[in-house]
C-alpha atoms as a PDB file:
ATOM      1  CA  UNK A   1       0.000   0.000   0.000  1.00  0.00           C
ATOM      2  CA  UNK A   2       1.352   3.420  -0.916  1.00  0.00           C
ATOM      3  CA  UNK A   3      -0.587   5.301   1.751  1.00  0.00           C
ATOM      4  CA  UNK A   4       1.007   6.344   5.029  1.00  0.00           C
ATOM      5  CA  UNK A   5      -1.552   4.357   6.992  1.00  0.00           C
ATOM      6  CA  UNK A   6      -3.366   1.111   6.449  1.00  0.00           C
ATOM      7  CA  UNK A   7      -6.998   0.971   5.305  1.00  0.00           C
ATOM      8  CA  UNK A   8      -9.895   0.211   7.613  1.00  0.00           C
ATOM      9  CA  UNK A   9     -12.779  -2.138   6.825  1.00  0.00           C
ATOM     10  CA  UNK A  10     -16.354  -2.819   7.761  1.00  0.00           C
ATOM     11  CA  UNK A  11     -17.262  -6.370   6.759  1.00  0.00           C
ATOM     12  CA  UNK A  12     -20.523  -8.295   6.960  1.00  0.00           C
ATOM     13  CA  UNK A  13     -19.470 -11.692   8.245  1.00  0.00           C
ATOM     14  CA  UNK A  14     -22.352 -14.189   7.970  1.00  0.00           C
ATOM     15  CA  UNK A  15     -22.532 -17.576   9.689  1.00  0.00           C
ATOM     16  CA  UNK A  16     -20.095 -20.506   9.659  1.00  0.00           C
ATOM     17  CA  UNK A  17     -21.447 -21.717   6.312  1.00  0.00           C
ATOM     18  CA  UNK A  18     -19.484 -18.798   4.832  1.00  0.00           C
ATOM     19  CA  UNK A  19     -16.521 -21.182   4.990  1.00  0.00           C
ATOM     20  CA  UNK A  20     -18.043 -23.193   2.118  1.00  0.00           C
ATOM     21  CA  UNK A  21     -19.859 -20.411   0.293  1.00  0.00           C
ATOM     22  CA  UNK A  22     -19.363 -20.344  -3.483  1.00  0.00           C
ATOM     23  CA  UNK A  23     -21.543 -17.322  -4.159  1.00  0.00           C
ATOM     24  CA  UNK A  24     -20.807 -13.613  -4.016  1.00  0.00           C
ATOM     25  CA  UNK A  25     -19.882 -13.405  -0.298  1.00  0.00           C
ATOM     26  CA  UNK A  26     -17.482 -16.353  -0.546  1.00  0.00           C
ATOM     27  CA  UNK A  27     -15.802 -14.888  -3.616  1.00  0.00           C
ATOM     28  CA  UNK A  28     -15.514 -11.561  -1.834  1.00  0.00           C
ATOM     29  CA  UNK A  29     -13.685 -13.142   1.090  1.00  0.00           C
ATOM     30  CA  UNK A  30     -11.299 -14.881  -1.297  1.00  0.00           C
ATOM     31  CA  UNK A  31     -10.481 -11.444  -2.727  1.00  0.00           C
ATOM     32  CA  UNK A  32     -10.269  -9.927   0.748  1.00  0.00           C
ATOM     33  CA  UNK A  33      -7.704 -12.470   1.886  1.00  0.00           C
ATOM     34  CA  UNK A  34      -5.575 -11.937  -1.200  1.00  0.00           C
ATOM     35  CA  UNK A  35      -5.739  -8.181  -0.664  1.00  0.00           C
ATOM     36  CA  UNK A  36      -4.602  -8.488   2.948  1.00  0.00           C
ATOM     37  CA  UNK A  37      -1.710 -10.778   2.071  1.00  0.00           C
ATOM     38  CA  UNK A  38      -0.441  -9.194  -1.107  1.00  0.00           C
ATOM     39  CA  UNK A  39      -1.273  -5.491  -0.786  1.00  0.00           C
ATOM     40  CA  UNK A  40      -1.915  -4.475   2.809  1.00  0.00           C
ATOM     41  CA  UNK A  41       0.610  -6.754   4.546  1.00  0.00           C
ATOM     42  CA  UNK A  42      -0.310  -5.684   8.096  1.00  0.00           C
ATOM     43  CA  UNK A  43       1.787  -6.439  11.147  1.00  0.00           C
ATOM     44  CA  UNK A  44      -1.371  -7.349  13.068  1.00  0.00           C
ATOM     45  CA  UNK A  45      -5.172  -7.128  13.010  1.00  0.00           C
ATOM     46  CA  UNK A  46      -7.483  -5.455  15.525  1.00  0.00           C
ATOM     47  CA  UNK A  47     -11.067  -6.571  14.976  1.00  0.00           C
ATOM     48  CA  UNK A  48     -14.306  -5.501  16.664  1.00  0.00           C
ATOM     49  CA  UNK A  49     -17.038  -8.131  16.384  1.00  0.00           C
ATOM     50  CA  UNK A  50     -20.795  -7.938  16.854  1.00  0.00           C
ATOM     51  CA  UNK A  51     -20.671 -11.016  19.072  1.00  0.00           C
ATOM     52  CA  UNK A  52     -18.896  -9.601  22.121  1.00  0.00           C
ATOM     53  CA  UNK A  53     -20.246  -6.812  24.304  1.00  0.00           C
ATOM     54  CA  UNK A  54     -18.487  -4.940  27.075  1.00  0.00           C
ATOM     55  CA  UNK A  55     -19.705  -3.971  30.526  1.00  0.00           C
ATOM     56  CA  UNK A  56     -21.519  -0.645  30.793  1.00  0.00           C
ATOM     57  CA  UNK A  57     -19.362   2.096  29.316  1.00  0.00           C
ATOM     58  CA  UNK A  58     -16.283  -0.110  29.116  1.00  0.00           C
ATOM     59  CA  UNK A  59     -15.007  -2.666  26.628  1.00  0.00           C
ATOM     60  CA  UNK A  60     -13.021  -5.885  26.750  1.00  0.00           C
ATOM     61  CA  UNK A  61      -9.759  -6.576  24.940  1.00  0.00           C
ATOM     62  CA  UNK A  62      -8.625 -10.119  24.136  1.00  0.00           C
ATOM     63  CA  UNK A  63      -5.099 -10.551  25.526  1.00  0.00           C
ATOM     64  CA  UNK A  64      -4.304 -14.229  24.991  1.00  0.00           C
ATOM     65  CA  UNK A  65      -0.710 -15.047  24.120  1.00  0.00           C
ATOM     66  CA  UNK A  66      -0.318 -17.723  21.467  1.00  0.00           C
ATOM     67  CA  UNK A  67      -3.151 -19.820  19.971  1.00  0.00           C
ATOM     68  CA  UNK A  68      -6.623 -18.352  20.329  1.00  0.00           C
ATOM     69  CA  UNK A  69      -9.557 -20.454  21.505  1.00  0.00           C
ATOM     70  CA  UNK A  70     -12.411 -20.614  18.994  1.00  0.00           C
ATOM     71  CA  UNK A  71     -15.912 -19.930  20.310  1.00  0.00           C
ATOM     72  CA  UNK A  72     -18.685 -21.760  18.422  1.00  0.00           C
ATOM     73  CA  UNK A  73     -21.381 -19.198  19.167  1.00  0.00           C
ATOM     74  CA  UNK A  74     -23.920 -20.262  16.548  1.00  0.00           C
ATOM     75  CA  UNK A  75     -26.812 -22.692  16.537  1.00  0.00           C
ATOM     76  CA  UNK A  76     -28.502 -25.136  14.188  1.00  0.00           C
ATOM     77  CA  UNK A  77     -25.649 -25.661  11.744  1.00  0.00           C
ATOM     78  CA  UNK A  78     -24.248 -29.010  10.523  1.00  0.00           C
ATOM     79  CA  UNK A  79     -21.821 -30.764  12.904  1.00  0.00           C
ATOM     80  CA  UNK A  80     -18.689 -30.041  10.861  1.00  0.00           C
ATOM     81  CA  UNK A  81     -18.865 -26.358  11.717  1.00  0.00           C
ATOM     82  CA  UNK A  82     -18.475 -27.135  15.431  1.00  0.00           C
ATOM     83  CA  UNK A  83     -15.266 -29.050  14.705  1.00  0.00           C
ATOM     84  CA  UNK A  84     -13.469 -26.285  12.855  1.00  0.00           C
ATOM     85  CA  UNK A  85      -9.930 -25.385  13.878  1.00  0.00           C
ATOM     86  CA  UNK A  86      -7.839 -22.363  13.036  1.00  0.00           C
ATOM     87  CA  UNK A  87      -4.364 -21.188  13.927  1.00  0.00           C
ATOM     88  CA  UNK A  88      -5.036 -17.554  14.836  1.00  0.00           C
ATOM     89  CA  UNK A  89      -2.706 -16.221  17.524  1.00  0.00           C
ATOM     90  CA  UNK A  90      -2.999 -13.422  20.056  1.00  0.00           C
ATOM     91  CA  UNK A  91      -0.555 -10.599  20.716  1.00  0.00           C
ATOM     92  CA  UNK A  92      -0.574  -9.319  24.328  1.00  0.00           C
ATOM     93  CA  UNK A  93       1.741  -6.401  23.563  1.00  0.00           C
ATOM     94  CA  UNK A  94      -0.784  -5.081  21.064  1.00  0.00           C
ATOM     95  CA  UNK A  95      -3.672  -5.786  23.454  1.00  0.00           C
ATOM     96  CA  UNK A  96      -1.935  -3.623  26.032  1.00  0.00           C
ATOM     97  CA  UNK A  97      -1.399  -0.883  23.449  1.00  0.00           C
ATOM     98  CA  UNK A  98      -5.096  -1.013  22.514  1.00  0.00           C
ATOM     99  CA  UNK A  99      -6.162  -0.763  26.150  1.00  0.00           C
ATOM    100  CA  UNK A 100      -3.807   2.179  26.659  1.00  0.00           C
ATOM    101  CA  UNK A 101      -5.209   4.057  23.654  1.00  0.00           C
ATOM    102  CA  UNK A 102      -8.777   3.462  24.800  1.00  0.00           C
ATOM    103  CA  UNK A 103      -8.095   4.643  28.325  1.00  0.00           C
ATOM    104  CA  UNK A 104      -6.445   7.799  26.958  1.00  0.00           C
ATOM    105  CA  UNK A 105      -9.808   8.599  25.347  1.00  0.00           C
ATOM    106  CA  UNK A 106     -11.739   7.906  28.536  1.00  0.00           C
ATOM    107  CA  UNK A 107     -12.902   4.418  27.554  1.00  0.00           C
ATOM    108  CA  UNK A 108     -12.393   1.819  30.310  1.00  0.00           C
ATOM    109  CA  UNK A 109     -10.742  -1.273  28.832  1.00  0.00           C
ATOM    110  CA  UNK A 110     -10.328  -4.617  30.576  1.00  0.00           C
ATOM    111  CA  UNK A 111      -7.836  -7.201  29.347  1.00  0.00           C
ATOM    112  CA  UNK A 112      -9.198 -10.746  29.331  1.00  0.00           C
ATOM    113  CA  UNK A 113      -8.565 -14.187  27.826  1.00  0.00           C
ATOM    114  CA  UNK A 114     -11.876 -15.209  26.316  1.00  0.00           C
ATOM    115  CA  UNK A 115     -11.081 -16.545  22.858  1.00  0.00           C
ATOM    116  CA  UNK A 116     -12.551 -15.326  19.576  1.00  0.00           C
ATOM    117  CA  UNK A 117     -16.138 -15.651  18.364  1.00  0.00           C
ATOM    118  CA  UNK A 118     -17.388 -16.525  14.896  1.00  0.00           C
ATOM    119  CA  UNK A 119     -17.581 -12.859  13.916  1.00  0.00           C
ATOM    120  CA  UNK A 120     -13.783 -13.011  13.952  1.00  0.00           C
ATOM    121  CA  UNK A 121     -12.621 -16.486  13.048  1.00  0.00           C
ATOM    122  CA  UNK A 122     -15.194 -17.367  10.383  1.00  0.00           C
ATOM    123  CA  UNK A 123     -14.499 -14.430   8.017  1.00  0.00           C
ATOM    124  CA  UNK A 124     -10.767 -14.489   8.675  1.00  0.00           C
ATOM    125  CA  UNK A 125     -10.505 -18.251   8.221  1.00  0.00           C
ATOM    126  CA  UNK A 126     -12.362 -17.969   4.914  1.00  0.00           C
ATOM    127  CA  UNK A 127     -10.133 -15.094   3.831  1.00  0.00           C
ATOM    128  CA  UNK A 128      -6.860 -16.359   5.296  1.00  0.00           C
ATOM    129  CA  UNK A 129      -7.080 -20.095   5.855  1.00  0.00           C
ATOM    130  CA  UNK A 130      -3.428 -20.399   6.928  1.00  0.00           C
ATOM    131  CA  UNK A 131      -3.487 -17.278   9.072  1.00  0.00           C
ATOM    132  CA  UNK A 132      -0.070 -15.986  10.065  1.00  0.00           C
ATOM    133  CA  UNK A 133      -0.891 -12.468  11.273  1.00  0.00           C
ATOM    134  CA  UNK A 134      -1.463 -11.946  15.028  1.00  0.00           C
ATOM    135  CA  UNK A 135      -4.766 -10.431  16.070  1.00  0.00           C
ATOM    136  CA  UNK A 136      -6.523  -8.760  18.966  1.00  0.00           C
ATOM    137  CA  UNK A 137     -10.315  -8.751  19.329  1.00  0.00           C
ATOM    138  CA  UNK A 138     -12.047  -5.814  21.003  1.00  0.00           C
ATOM    139  CA  UNK A 139     -15.661  -5.905  22.171  1.00  0.00           C
ATOM    140  CA  UNK A 140     -18.331  -3.374  21.363  1.00  0.00           C
ATOM    141  CA  UNK A 141     -19.982  -1.498  24.195  1.00  0.00           C
ATOM    142  CA  UNK A 142     -22.869  -3.116  26.036  1.00  0.00           C
ATOM    143  CA  UNK A 143     -25.138  -0.298  24.863  1.00  0.00           C
ATOM    144  CA  UNK A 144     -26.163   0.812  21.368  1.00  0.00           C
ATOM    145  CA  UNK A 145     -24.983   4.429  21.484  1.00  0.00           C
ATOM    146  CA  UNK A 146     -23.570   5.026  18.028  1.00  0.00           C
ATOM    147  CA  UNK A 147     -21.485   8.083  18.873  1.00  0.00           C
ATOM    148  CA  UNK A 148     -19.682   6.082  21.569  1.00  0.00           C
ATOM    149  CA  UNK A 149     -18.753   3.433  19.009  1.00  0.00           C
ATOM    150  CA  UNK A 150     -17.430   6.123  16.673  1.00  0.00           C
ATOM    151  CA  UNK A 151     -15.302   7.351  19.579  1.00  0.00           C
ATOM    152  CA  UNK A 152     -14.034   3.800  20.092  1.00  0.00           C
ATOM    153  CA  UNK A 153     -12.866   3.744  16.483  1.00  0.00           C
ATOM    154  CA  UNK A 154     -11.239   7.155  16.833  1.00  0.00           C
ATOM    155  CA  UNK A 155      -9.221   5.853  19.767  1.00  0.00           C
ATOM    156  CA  UNK A 156      -7.899   2.991  17.629  1.00  0.00           C
ATOM    157  CA  UNK A 157      -6.952   5.169  14.661  1.00  0.00           C
ATOM    158  CA  UNK A 158      -3.260   5.683  15.626  1.00  0.00           C
ATOM    159  CA  UNK A 159      -2.687   1.952  15.151  1.00  0.00           C
ATOM    160  CA  UNK A 160      -3.160   2.348  11.392  1.00  0.00           C
ATOM    161  CA  UNK A 161       0.211   4.022  10.729  1.00  0.00           C
ATOM    162  CA  UNK A 162       1.970   2.175   7.920  1.00  0.00           C
ATOM    163  CA  UNK A 163       4.963   0.094   9.145  1.00  0.00           C
ATOM    164  CA  UNK A 164       7.302   1.855   6.704  1.00  0.00           C
ATOM    165  CA  UNK A 165       6.383   5.212   8.236  1.00  0.00           C
ATOM    166  CA  UNK A 166       7.025   4.179  11.840  1.00  0.00           C
ATOM    167  CA  UNK A 167      10.114   4.939  13.884  1.00  0.00           C
ATOM    168  CA  UNK A 168      11.303   2.205  16.271  1.00  0.00           C
ATOM    169  CA  UNK A 169       8.957  -0.389  14.686  1.00  0.00           C
ATOM    170  CA  UNK A 170       6.267  -0.163  17.342  1.00  0.00           C
ATOM    171  CA  UNK A 171       2.937  -1.996  17.356  1.00  0.00           C
ATOM    172  CA  UNK A 172       1.431   0.210  14.641  1.00  0.00           C
ATOM    173  CA  UNK A 173       0.900  -1.042  11.103  1.00  0.00           C
ATOM    174  CA  UNK A 174      -2.372  -2.582  12.252  1.00  0.00           C
ATOM    175  CA  UNK A 175      -5.369  -3.441  10.088  1.00  0.00           C
ATOM    176  CA  UNK A 176      -8.592  -2.371  11.834  1.00  0.00           C
ATOM    177  CA  UNK A 177     -11.778  -4.280  10.976  1.00  0.00           C
ATOM    178  CA  UNK A 178     -15.344  -3.864  12.160  1.00  0.00           C
ATOM    179  CA  UNK A 179     -17.188  -7.168  11.713  1.00  0.00           C
ATOM    180  CA  UNK A 180     -20.990  -7.180  11.779  1.00  0.00           C
ATOM    181  CA  UNK A 181     -23.770  -7.004   9.200  1.00  0.00           C
ATOM    182  CA  UNK A 182     -25.271  -4.135   7.266  1.00  0.00           C
ATOM    183  CA  UNK A 183     -28.713  -5.600   7.990  1.00  0.00           C
ATOM    184  CA  UNK A 184     -29.365  -8.438  10.426  1.00  0.00           C
ATOM    185  CA  UNK A 185     -32.879  -9.638  11.219  1.00  0.00           C
ATOM    186  CA  UNK A 186     -32.799 -13.348  12.036  1.00  0.00           C
ATOM    187  CA  UNK A 187     -36.305 -13.190  13.452  1.00  0.00           C
ATOM    188  CA  UNK A 188     -37.849 -12.571  10.012  1.00  0.00           C
ATOM    189  CA  UNK A 189     -35.269 -14.402   7.932  1.00  0.00           C
ATOM    190  CA  UNK A 190     -37.202 -17.633   7.405  1.00  0.00           C
ATOM    191  CA  UNK A 191     -40.246 -15.749   6.127  1.00  0.00           C
ATOM    192  CA  UNK A 192     -38.220 -14.507   3.179  1.00  0.00           C
ATOM    193  CA  UNK A 193     -36.087 -17.535   2.286  1.00  0.00           C
ATOM    194  CA  UNK A 194     -36.043 -18.083  -1.497  1.00  0.00           C
ATOM    195  CA  UNK A 195     -37.740 -14.738  -1.980  1.00  0.00           C
ATOM    196  CA  UNK A 196     -36.356 -11.283  -2.758  1.00  0.00           C
ATOM    197  CA  UNK A 197     -35.214  -9.364   0.283  1.00  0.00           C
ATOM    198  CA  UNK A 198     -38.000  -7.144   1.645  1.00  0.00           C
ATOM    199  CA  UNK A 199     -38.066  -3.499   0.628  1.00  0.00           C
ATOM    200  CA  UNK A 200     -37.213  -2.282   4.128  1.00  0.00           C
ATOM    201  CA  UNK A 201     -33.869  -4.098   3.971  1.00  0.00           C
ATOM    202  CA  UNK A 202     -32.928  -2.454   0.702  1.00  0.00           C
ATOM    203  CA  UNK A 203     -34.150   0.999   1.678  1.00  0.00           C
ATOM    204  CA  UNK A 204     -32.104   0.947   4.878  1.00  0.00           C
ATOM    205  CA  UNK A 205     -29.082  -0.344   2.982  1.00  0.00           C
ATOM    206  CA  UNK A 206     -29.338   2.577   0.553  1.00  0.00           C
ATOM    207  CA  UNK A 207     -29.408   5.031   3.455  1.00  0.00           C
ATOM    208  CA  UNK A 208     -26.429   3.289   5.055  1.00  0.00           C
ATOM    209  CA  UNK A 209     -24.528   3.341   1.762  1.00  0.00           C
ATOM    210  CA  UNK A 210     -25.220   7.037   1.195  1.00  0.00           C
ATOM    211  CA  UNK A 211     -24.138   7.881   4.741  1.00  0.00           C
ATOM    212  CA  UNK A 212     -20.822   6.101   4.240  1.00  0.00           C
ATOM    213  CA  UNK A 213     -20.009   6.955   0.621  1.00  0.00           C
ATOM    214  CA  UNK A 214     -21.248  10.523   0.189  1.00  0.00           C
ATOM    215  CA  UNK A 215     -19.429  11.985   3.178  1.00  0.00           C
ATOM    216  CA  UNK A 216     -16.058  11.882   4.905  1.00  0.00           C
ATOM    217  CA  UNK A 217     -14.667  12.926   8.250  1.00  0.00           C
ATOM    218  CA  UNK A 218     -16.910  14.565  10.822  1.00  0.00           C
ATOM    219  CA  UNK A 219     -19.906  14.771   8.500  1.00  0.00           C
ATOM    220  CA  UNK A 220     -19.782  11.029   7.832  1.00  0.00           C
ATOM    221  CA  UNK A 221     -19.581  10.334  11.551  1.00  0.00           C
ATOM    222  CA  UNK A 222     -22.664  12.471  12.076  1.00  0.00           C
ATOM    223  CA  UNK A 223     -24.553  10.777   9.243  1.00  0.00           C
ATOM    224  CA  UNK A 224     -23.940   7.205  10.419  1.00  0.00           C
ATOM    225  CA  UNK A 225     -25.059   8.216  13.906  1.00  0.00           C
ATOM    226  CA  UNK A 226     -28.452   9.085  12.398  1.00  0.00           C
ATOM    227  CA  UNK A 227     -29.046   5.567  11.071  1.00  0.00           C
ATOM    228  CA  UNK A 228     -31.092   4.715  14.153  1.00  0.00           C
ATOM    229  CA  UNK A 229     -33.579   7.376  12.999  1.00  0.00           C
ATOM    230  CA  UNK A 230     -34.264   5.525   9.749  1.00  0.00           C
ATOM    231  CA  UNK A 231     -37.879   4.222   9.724  1.00  0.00           C
ATOM    232  CA  UNK A 232     -36.597   0.748   8.855  1.00  0.00           C
ATOM    233  CA  UNK A 233     -33.853   0.672  11.484  1.00  0.00           C
ATOM    234  CA  UNK A 234     -35.536  -1.669  13.973  1.00  0.00           C
ATOM    235  CA  UNK A 235     -36.795  -3.965  11.237  1.00  0.00           C
ATOM    236  CA  UNK A 236     -33.250  -4.308   9.934  1.00  0.00           C
ATOM    237  CA  UNK A 237     -31.636  -4.395  13.375  1.00  0.00           C
ATOM    238  CA  UNK A 238     -33.964  -5.592  16.163  1.00  0.00           C
ATOM    239  CA  UNK A 239     -30.809  -5.156  18.242  1.00  0.00           C
ATOM    240  CA  UNK A 240     -27.947  -3.001  16.982  1.00  0.00           C
ATOM    241  CA  UNK A 241     -24.883  -5.083  17.845  1.00  0.00           C
ATOM    242  CA  UNK A 242     -24.315  -6.035  14.190  1.00  0.00           C
ATOM    243  CA  UNK A 243     -24.452  -2.416  13.033  1.00  0.00           C
ATOM    244  CA  UNK A 244     -22.189  -0.650  15.529  1.00  0.00           C
ATOM    245  CA  UNK A 245     -18.958  -2.245  14.210  1.00  0.00           C
ATOM    246  CA  UNK A 246     -19.613   0.018  11.206  1.00  0.00           C
ATOM    247  CA  UNK A 247     -19.442   3.019  13.526  1.00  0.00           C
ATOM    248  CA  UNK A 248     -16.128   1.788  14.912  1.00  0.00           C
ATOM    249  CA  UNK A 249     -14.755   1.526  11.372  1.00  0.00           C
ATOM    250  CA  UNK A 250     -16.027   5.011  10.513  1.00  0.00           C
ATOM    251  CA  UNK A 251     -14.379   6.415  13.625  1.00  0.00           C
ATOM    252  CA  UNK A 252     -11.065   4.766  12.781  1.00  0.00           C
ATOM    253  CA  UNK A 253     -11.289   5.893   9.145  1.00  0.00           C
ATOM    254  CA  UNK A 254     -11.119   9.622   9.828  1.00  0.00           C
ATOM    255  CA  UNK A 255     -11.116  11.544   6.552  1.00  0.00           C
ATOM    256  CA  UNK A 256     -10.399   8.553   4.324  1.00  0.00           C
ATOM    257  CA  UNK A 257     -12.799   7.992   1.458  1.00  0.00           C
ATOM    258  CA  UNK A 258     -14.942   4.861   1.445  1.00  0.00           C
ATOM    259  CA  UNK A 259     -15.711   2.491  -1.395  1.00  0.00           C
ATOM    260  CA  UNK A 260     -18.254  -0.313  -1.326  1.00  0.00           C
ATOM    261  CA  UNK A 261     -16.548  -3.666  -1.754  1.00  0.00           C
ATOM    262  CA  UNK A 262     -19.479  -6.063  -1.351  1.00  0.00           C
ATOM    263  CA  UNK A 263     -23.134  -5.589  -2.243  1.00  0.00           C
ATOM    264  CA  UNK A 264     -25.402  -8.584  -1.686  1.00  0.00           C
ATOM    265  CA  UNK A 265     -28.520  -9.680   0.187  1.00  0.00           C
ATOM    266  CA  UNK A 266     -29.882 -12.933   1.557  1.00  0.00           C
ATOM    267  CA  UNK A 267     -33.423 -12.678   2.865  1.00  0.00           C
ATOM    268  CA  UNK A 268     -33.245 -10.196   5.780  1.00  0.00           C
ATOM    269  CA  UNK A 269     -29.443 -10.253   5.932  1.00  0.00           C
ATOM    270  CA  UNK A 270     -27.439  -7.550   4.159  1.00  0.00           C
ATOM    271  CA  UNK A 271     -23.816  -8.136   3.158  1.00  0.00           C
ATOM    272  CA  UNK A 272     -22.741  -4.568   2.337  1.00  0.00           C
ATOM    273  CA  UNK A 273     -19.068  -4.063   3.200  1.00  0.00           C
ATOM    274  CA  UNK A 274     -16.759  -1.068   2.853  1.00  0.00           C
ATOM    275  CA  UNK A 275     -13.098  -0.140   2.603  1.00  0.00           C
ATOM    276  CA  UNK A 276     -11.880   3.185   3.984  1.00  0.00           C
ATOM    277  CA  UNK A 277      -8.528   4.311   2.602  1.00  0.00           C
ATOM    278  CA  UNK A 278      -6.640   7.401   1.479  1.00  0.00           C
ATOM    279  CA  UNK A 279      -5.907   5.392  -1.678  1.00  0.00           C
ATOM    280  CA  UNK A 280      -9.619   5.607  -2.523  1.00  0.00           C
ATOM    281  CA  UNK A 281      -9.664   9.332  -3.277  1.00  0.00           C
ATOM    282  CA  UNK A 282     -10.078   8.743  -7.011  1.00  0.00           C
ATOM    283  CA  UNK A 283     -12.174   5.564  -6.780  1.00  0.00           C
ATOM    284  CA  UNK A 284     -15.922   5.180  -6.938  1.00  0.00           C
ATOM    285  CA  UNK A 285     -15.924   1.392  -6.472  1.00  0.00           C
ATOM    286  CA  UNK A 286     -13.587  -1.580  -6.320  1.00  0.00           C
END
């Protein structure tokens, strides 16, 4: 990457069947893995998943050293998905750096050794089957306040400095990822199987896309914090944990331009995903 800092991503991660997906999402994750390996080449990954919430106004930071325990936090899937293994490894020095940055911004951060949920290991295993980049997972807040999640991303932004631009080779050079879903309504999903996604899913997705793509910097932060005012918000997100990783990514992105890198729907699940990068200034799409 020619930029002085690494890109940031919001990805829609899906369930464990993503590992075998041959459709648009699976092909996207094949591209994503190649991009990470061949172009971005991060020293480490910090990822915020929809499947881990903090305590009150604080967050948790995964601080395991060495192999990371996989959490099989999904239900009703074939047995093989509960037997998956993956060689992701933790990096306590980076976990400590993350906690320090968060505390500097007034965000209480507690180091813990929990393991990683499927919002982390499923998309990264699909993208990077033989993973050799250390990672640290950070929880969302317990609450749904969108501005607080933007602030969480802002606190992580210094980690994005490109390794070639860093003196003393510190922990920076980190790829920041928010992992959730653009739309996520499991309650209504079975009503729309094998049918076009309902109009409320697509209308909300268009609002989300406009908020991310038409603005940068402080205006974009303000726009994404209005998504809970969309008439379709609660239909698309009965609970907001899958949306707020987007706000973390927007906070970490700063003034970088966004491009949409995945556009797909399955019933009441939206797969929209975005890259934020200073290299995107002249791009309209990937």
